[in-house]
Amino acid sequence: MAMHSAGPYMLKEWNTSMQRIAFALPIKPDRVDEYRRTHAAVWEELQEENTRAGIRNFSVFLFGHHAIGYLECDDWDRAGAYLDASDVQARWQALHEDILDVDTASGLVPLEMLEPVFYQE
């Protein structure tokens, strides 16, 4: 299962080398509880892969049938490339194939990047 994004929006304009990334993922409305269950027990090896990719302070929130993710990293493109090549990430995505609401035309999960409009340090 591949992710598709039109972003990302990054906060480099606020004079920081750290990128703050926020995104929304659609969840099938009847699978929200299952999504909640899988994220109550995120694999330690997946968390280690995220760390190796340069991701930190990663949180996921639920809003209706959307997962809202927030993370910080030094280089979003590099982190994404690392995770795209990760066997652990591929297994995690496969676990969610029937949970996330995939775009039927493209076969991709529409990863919507959220635009930052305010930042307070």
N, C-alpha and C. Protein backbone atom coordinates (compact mmCIF):
# COMPACT_ATOMS: atom_id res chain seq x y z
N MET A 1 0.85 -1.17 0.00
CA MET A 1 0.00 0.00 0.00
C MET A 1 0.89 1.23 0.00
N ALA A 2 0.67 2.11 -0.91
CA ALA A 2 1.48 3.32 -1.00
C ALA A 2 0.70 4.51 -0.47
N MET A 3 1.45 5.47 -0.01
CA MET A 3 0.86 6.72 0.45
C MET A 3 1.06 7.76 -0.63
N HIS A 4 0.13 8.67 -0.73
CA HIS A 4 0.25 9.76 -1.69
C HIS A 4 0.09 11.07 -0.95
N SER A 5 0.95 12.01 -1.24
CA SER A 5 0.83 13.30 -0.58
C SER A 5 1.06 14.41 -1.57
N ALA A 6 0.38 15.50 -1.33
CA ALA A 6 0.54 16.68 -2.16
C ALA A 6 1.45 17.70 -1.50
N GLY A 7 1.99 17.41 -0.36
CA GLY A 7 2.75 18.36 0.46
C GLY A 7 4.23 18.10 0.35
N PRO A 8 4.97 18.21 1.38
CA PRO A 8 4.50 18.61 2.69
C PRO A 8 4.64 20.10 2.91
N TYR A 9 3.92 20.59 3.87
CA TYR A 9 4.13 21.95 4.34
C TYR A 9 5.13 21.86 5.48
N MET A 10 6.15 22.67 5.46
CA MET A 10 7.17 22.61 6.49
C MET A 10 7.37 23.99 7.09
N LEU A 11 7.81 24.02 8.32
CA LEU A 11 7.96 25.27 9.02
C LEU A 11 9.36 25.85 8.93
N LYS A 12 10.05 25.61 7.84
CA LYS A 12 11.39 26.16 7.68
C LYS A 12 11.36 27.69 7.73
N GLU A 13 10.26 28.28 7.30
CA GLU A 13 10.19 29.73 7.27
C GLU A 13 10.22 30.34 8.67
N TRP A 14 10.08 29.52 9.71
CA TRP A 14 10.16 30.02 11.08
C TRP A 14 11.56 29.82 11.65
N ASN A 15 12.56 29.87 10.76
CA ASN A 15 13.96 29.87 11.16
C ASN A 15 14.35 28.69 12.04
N THR A 16 13.98 27.53 11.64
CA THR A 16 14.38 26.32 12.35
C THR A 16 14.74 25.27 11.31
N SER A 17 15.76 24.48 11.60
CA SER A 17 16.11 23.42 10.67
C SER A 17 15.19 22.22 10.84
N MET A 18 14.50 22.16 11.97
CA MET A 18 13.59 21.05 12.21
C MET A 18 12.30 21.28 11.42
N GLN A 19 11.83 20.23 10.79
CA GLN A 19 10.57 20.30 10.07
C GLN A 19 9.47 19.73 10.95
N ARG A 20 8.38 20.44 11.05
CA ARG A 20 7.19 19.96 11.75
C ARG A 20 6.20 19.57 10.68
N ILE A 21 5.80 18.32 10.71
CA ILE A 21 4.94 17.76 9.68
C ILE A 21 3.61 17.36 10.32
N ALA A 22 2.52 17.74 9.69
CA ALA A 22 1.20 17.31 10.13
C ALA A 22 0.44 16.80 8.92
N PHE A 23 -0.30 15.72 9.11
CA PHE A 23 -1.01 15.12 7.99
C PHE A 23 -2.31 14.47 8.48
N ALA A 24 -3.19 14.23 7.52
CA ALA A 24 -4.45 13.54 7.81
C ALA A 24 -4.55 12.32 6.90
N LEU A 25 -5.00 11.22 7.47
CA LEU A 25 -5.24 9.98 6.72
C LEU A 25 -6.69 9.58 6.91
N PRO A 26 -7.40 9.27 5.83
CA PRO A 26 -8.78 8.83 5.98
C PRO A 26 -8.84 7.36 6.41
N ILE A 27 -9.69 7.09 7.38
CA ILE A 27 -9.92 5.73 7.86
C ILE A 27 -11.33 5.34 7.44
N LYS A 28 -11.51 4.10 7.02
CA LYS A 28 -12.86 3.64 6.72
C LYS A 28 -13.71 3.82 7.98
N PRO A 29 -14.88 4.45 7.85
CA PRO A 29 -15.68 4.76 9.04
C PRO A 29 -15.97 3.55 9.93
N ASP A 30 -16.13 2.38 9.34
CA ASP A 30 -16.44 1.20 10.14
C ASP A 30 -15.19 0.50 10.69
N ARG A 31 -14.00 1.09 10.48
CA ARG A 31 -12.75 0.47 10.93
C ARG A 31 -11.98 1.34 11.93
N VAL A 32 -12.60 2.40 12.42
CA VAL A 32 -11.91 3.31 13.34
C VAL A 32 -11.48 2.58 14.61
N ASP A 33 -12.34 1.72 15.16
CA ASP A 33 -11.96 1.00 16.38
C ASP A 33 -10.76 0.09 16.14
N GLU A 34 -10.70 -0.52 14.97
CA GLU A 34 -9.55 -1.38 14.65
C GLU A 34 -8.28 -0.54 14.52
N TYR A 35 -8.39 0.63 13.90
CA TYR A 35 -7.24 1.53 13.80
C TYR A 35 -6.76 1.92 15.21
N ARG A 36 -7.70 2.23 16.07
CA ARG A 36 -7.38 2.58 17.46
C ARG A 36 -6.64 1.43 18.14
N ARG A 37 -7.11 0.20 17.93
CA ARG A 37 -6.47 -0.97 18.55
C ARG A 37 -5.04 -1.17 18.05
N THR A 38 -4.82 -1.05 16.76
CA THR A 38 -3.46 -1.27 16.25
C THR A 38 -2.50 -0.21 16.78
N HIS A 39 -3.00 1.00 16.96
CA HIS A 39 -2.13 2.07 17.44
C HIS A 39 -1.97 2.09 18.96
N ALA A 40 -2.74 1.29 19.65
CA ALA A 40 -2.54 1.13 21.09
C ALA A 40 -1.36 0.21 21.36
N ALA A 41 -0.90 -0.49 20.31
CA ALA A 41 0.21 -1.44 20.45
C ALA A 41 1.15 -1.34 19.25
N VAL A 42 1.65 -0.13 18.99
CA VAL A 42 2.58 0.07 17.87
C VAL A 42 3.85 -0.73 18.15
N TRP A 43 4.29 -1.48 17.15
CA TRP A 43 5.47 -2.33 17.29
C TRP A 43 6.69 -1.50 17.69
N GLU A 44 7.47 -2.04 18.60
CA GLU A 44 8.71 -1.38 18.99
C GLU A 44 9.66 -1.26 17.79
N GLU A 45 9.69 -2.29 16.94
CA GLU A 45 10.58 -2.24 15.77
C GLU A 45 10.16 -1.14 14.80
N LEU A 46 8.87 -0.82 14.73
CA LEU A 46 8.43 0.28 13.88
C LEU A 46 8.87 1.61 14.48
N GLN A 47 8.74 1.74 15.79
CA GLN A 47 9.19 2.96 16.44
C GLN A 47 10.70 3.15 16.25
N GLU A 48 11.45 2.06 16.30
CA GLU A 48 12.89 2.13 16.06
C GLU A 48 13.19 2.55 14.63
N GLU A 49 12.43 2.05 13.67
CA GLU A 49 12.60 2.45 12.26
C GLU A 49 12.32 3.94 12.11
N ASN A 50 11.26 4.43 12.75
CA ASN A 50 10.95 5.86 12.68
C ASN A 50 12.12 6.68 13.22
N THR A 51 12.70 6.23 14.32
CA THR A 51 13.84 6.94 14.90
C THR A 51 15.03 6.91 13.94
N ARG A 52 15.31 5.76 13.34
CA ARG A 52 16.41 5.67 12.36
C ARG A 52 16.15 6.56 11.15
N ALA A 53 14.88 6.77 10.82
CA ALA A 53 14.53 7.64 9.70
C ALA A 53 14.68 9.12 10.06
N GLY A 54 14.92 9.40 11.34
CA GLY A 54 15.09 10.78 11.78
C GLY A 54 13.81 11.42 12.30
N ILE A 55 12.80 10.60 12.54
CA ILE A 55 11.51 11.09 13.04
C ILE A 55 11.52 11.07 14.56
N ARG A 56 10.97 12.12 15.14
CA ARG A 56 10.82 12.19 16.60
C ARG A 56 9.53 12.93 16.94
N ASN A 57 9.13 12.82 18.19
CA ASN A 57 7.91 13.48 18.66
C ASN A 57 6.72 13.18 17.74
N PHE A 58 6.51 11.92 17.46
CA PHE A 58 5.46 11.48 16.54
C PHE A 58 4.21 11.15 17.35
N SER A 59 3.12 11.81 17.01
CA SER A 59 1.83 11.58 17.66
C SER A 59 0.77 11.38 16.59
N VAL A 60 -0.24 10.58 16.92
CA VAL A 60 -1.40 10.41 16.04
C VAL A 60 -2.65 10.63 16.88
N PHE A 61 -3.57 11.42 16.33
CA PHE A 61 -4.84 11.72 16.98
C PHE A 61 -5.97 11.27 16.06
N LEU A 62 -7.10 10.96 16.63
CA LEU A 62 -8.28 10.64 15.83
C LEU A 62 -9.22 11.84 15.81
N PHE A 63 -9.76 12.12 14.63
CA PHE A 63 -10.77 13.16 14.45
C PHE A 63 -11.82 12.56 13.53
N GLY A 64 -12.91 12.10 14.12
CA GLY A 64 -13.91 11.40 13.32
C GLY A 64 -13.29 10.15 12.73
N HIS A 65 -13.36 10.02 11.41
CA HIS A 65 -12.73 8.87 10.77
C HIS A 65 -11.46 9.29 10.02
N HIS A 66 -10.73 10.21 10.63
CA HIS A 66 -9.42 10.62 10.11
C HIS A 66 -8.38 10.50 11.22
N ALA A 67 -7.21 10.01 10.84
CA ALA A 67 -6.06 10.02 11.73
C ALA A 67 -5.28 11.29 11.41
N ILE A 68 -4.97 12.05 12.44
CA ILE A 68 -4.19 13.27 12.29
C ILE A 68 -2.82 13.00 12.92
N GLY A 69 -1.80 13.05 12.10
CA GLY A 69 -0.45 12.78 12.57
C GLY A 69 0.37 14.05 12.69
N TYR A 70 1.24 14.06 13.67
CA TYR A 70 2.19 15.16 13.84
C TYR A 70 3.55 14.54 14.16
N LEU A 71 4.58 15.04 13.52
CA LEU A 71 5.94 14.56 13.79
C LEU A 71 6.93 15.67 13.52
N GLU A 72 8.12 15.46 14.01
CA GLU A 72 9.22 16.37 13.76
C GLU A 72 10.37 15.57 13.16
N CYS A 73 11.07 16.18 12.22
CA CYS A 73 12.23 15.52 11.60
C CYS A 73 13.14 16.59 11.00
N ASP A 74 14.34 16.19 10.66
CA ASP A 74 15.26 17.12 10.03
C ASP A 74 15.05 17.19 8.52
N ASP A 75 14.64 16.09 7.92
CA ASP A 75 14.48 16.03 6.46
C ASP A 75 13.35 15.07 6.12
N TRP A 76 12.17 15.61 5.85
CA TRP A 76 10.98 14.81 5.56
C TRP A 76 11.18 13.91 4.34
N ASP A 77 11.79 14.44 3.30
CA ASP A 77 12.01 13.64 2.09
C ASP A 77 12.93 12.45 2.37
N ARG A 78 14.00 12.69 3.12
CA ARG A 78 14.92 11.61 3.47
C ARG A 78 14.23 10.58 4.37
N ALA A 79 13.45 11.04 5.33
CA ALA A 79 12.73 10.12 6.22
C ALA A 79 11.75 9.27 5.42
N GLY A 80 11.04 9.89 4.48
CA GLY A 80 10.10 9.15 3.65
C GLY A 80 10.79 8.11 2.78
N ALA A 81 11.92 8.47 2.21
CA ALA A 81 12.67 7.53 1.37
C ALA A 81 13.15 6.34 2.20
N TYR A 82 13.62 6.61 3.41
CA TYR A 82 14.07 5.54 4.29
C TYR A 82 12.92 4.59 4.60
N LEU A 83 11.77 5.15 4.98
CA LEU A 83 10.62 4.31 5.35
C LEU A 83 10.03 3.59 4.14
N ASP A 84 10.08 4.21 2.97
CA ASP A 84 9.59 3.53 1.76
C ASP A 84 10.38 2.25 1.48
N ALA A 85 11.65 2.22 1.90
CA ALA A 85 12.50 1.05 1.68
C ALA A 85 12.49 0.08 2.87
N SER A 86 11.73 0.41 3.89
CA SER A 86 11.74 -0.38 5.13
C SER A 86 10.76 -1.55 5.07
N ASP A 87 11.27 -2.73 5.34
CA ASP A 87 10.42 -3.93 5.41
C ASP A 87 9.43 -3.82 6.57
N VAL A 88 9.87 -3.25 7.67
CA VAL A 88 9.00 -3.09 8.84
C VAL A 88 7.83 -2.16 8.49
N GLN A 89 8.13 -1.04 7.84
CA GLN A 89 7.08 -0.11 7.42
C GLN A 89 6.13 -0.77 6.44
N ALA A 90 6.65 -1.58 5.53
CA ALA A 90 5.80 -2.28 4.56
C ALA A 90 4.83 -3.23 5.27
N ARG A 91 5.31 -3.92 6.30
CA ARG A 91 4.43 -4.82 7.06
C ARG A 91 3.37 -4.04 7.83
N TRP A 92 3.74 -2.88 8.39
CA TRP A 92 2.78 -2.04 9.11
C TRP A 92 1.70 -1.53 8.16
N GLN A 93 2.12 -1.09 6.98
CA GLN A 93 1.15 -0.61 6.00
C GLN A 93 0.24 -1.74 5.54
N ALA A 94 0.79 -2.93 5.34
CA ALA A 94 -0.04 -4.07 4.93
C ALA A 94 -1.09 -4.38 5.99
N LEU A 95 -0.74 -4.22 7.25
CA LEU A 95 -1.68 -4.44 8.35
C LEU A 95 -2.87 -3.48 8.26
N HIS A 96 -2.65 -2.31 7.67
CA HIS A 96 -3.68 -1.28 7.61
C HIS A 96 -4.36 -1.16 6.25
N GLU A 97 -4.04 -2.06 5.32
CA GLU A 97 -4.63 -1.98 3.98
C GLU A 97 -6.15 -1.95 3.99
N ASP A 98 -6.76 -2.74 4.85
CA ASP A 98 -8.22 -2.81 4.89
C ASP A 98 -8.82 -1.83 5.89
N ILE A 99 -7.99 -1.06 6.55
CA ILE A 99 -8.47 -0.10 7.55
C ILE A 99 -8.51 1.31 6.98
N LEU A 100 -7.48 1.68 6.23
CA LEU A 100 -7.42 3.02 5.65
C LEU A 100 -8.27 3.09 4.40
N ASP A 101 -8.79 4.27 4.14
CA ASP A 101 -9.70 4.48 3.01
C ASP A 101 -8.87 4.81 1.76
N VAL A 102 -8.61 3.80 0.97
CA VAL A 102 -7.76 3.92 -0.22
C VAL A 102 -8.55 4.54 -1.37
N ASP A 103 -7.90 5.43 -2.12
CA ASP A 103 -8.50 6.01 -3.32
C ASP A 103 -8.58 4.92 -4.39
N THR A 104 -9.79 4.58 -4.81
CA THR A 104 -9.95 3.45 -5.74
C THR A 104 -9.34 3.72 -7.11
N ALA A 105 -9.30 4.96 -7.54
CA ALA A 105 -8.74 5.26 -8.86
C ALA A 105 -7.23 5.06 -8.90
N SER A 106 -6.55 5.52 -7.86
CA SER A 106 -5.08 5.45 -7.86
C SER A 106 -4.54 4.27 -7.08
N GLY A 107 -5.34 3.72 -6.16
CA GLY A 107 -4.87 2.65 -5.30
C GLY A 107 -3.99 3.15 -4.16
N LEU A 108 -3.93 4.46 -3.99
CA LEU A 108 -3.10 5.07 -2.95
C LEU A 108 -3.95 5.56 -1.79
N VAL A 109 -3.34 5.63 -0.63
CA VAL A 109 -3.98 6.27 0.51
C VAL A 109 -3.71 7.77 0.38
N PRO A 110 -4.76 8.58 0.31
CA PRO A 110 -4.53 10.03 0.15
C PRO A 110 -4.03 10.67 1.45
N LEU A 111 -2.74 10.77 1.57
CA LEU A 111 -2.10 11.42 2.72
C LEU A 111 -2.18 12.92 2.49
N GLU A 112 -3.03 13.59 3.24
CA GLU A 112 -3.23 15.03 3.07
C GLU A 112 -2.33 15.78 4.05
N MET A 113 -1.43 16.58 3.51
CA MET A 113 -0.54 17.36 4.35
C MET A 113 -1.31 18.58 4.86
N LEU A 114 -1.16 18.88 6.15
CA LEU A 114 -1.86 20.00 6.76
C LEU A 114 -0.98 21.23 6.74
N GLU A 115 -1.58 22.35 6.44
CA GLU A 115 -0.85 23.61 6.33
C GLU A 115 -0.68 24.25 7.71
N PRO A 116 0.54 24.57 8.09
CA PRO A 116 0.72 25.26 9.37
C PRO A 116 0.29 26.72 9.25
N VAL A 117 -0.45 27.19 10.23
CA VAL A 117 -0.88 28.58 10.21
C VAL A 117 -0.44 29.34 11.46
N PHE A 118 0.06 28.63 12.47
CA PHE A 118 0.51 29.28 13.69
C PHE A 118 1.55 28.41 14.36
N TYR A 119 2.54 29.05 14.94
CA TYR A 119 3.57 28.33 15.70
C TYR A 119 4.00 29.18 16.88
N GLN A 120 4.03 28.58 18.05
CA GLN A 120 4.55 29.26 19.24
C GLN A 120 5.60 28.36 19.86
N GLU A 121 6.79 28.89 20.02
CA GLU A 121 7.88 28.11 20.61
C GLU A 121 7.83 28.20 22.11
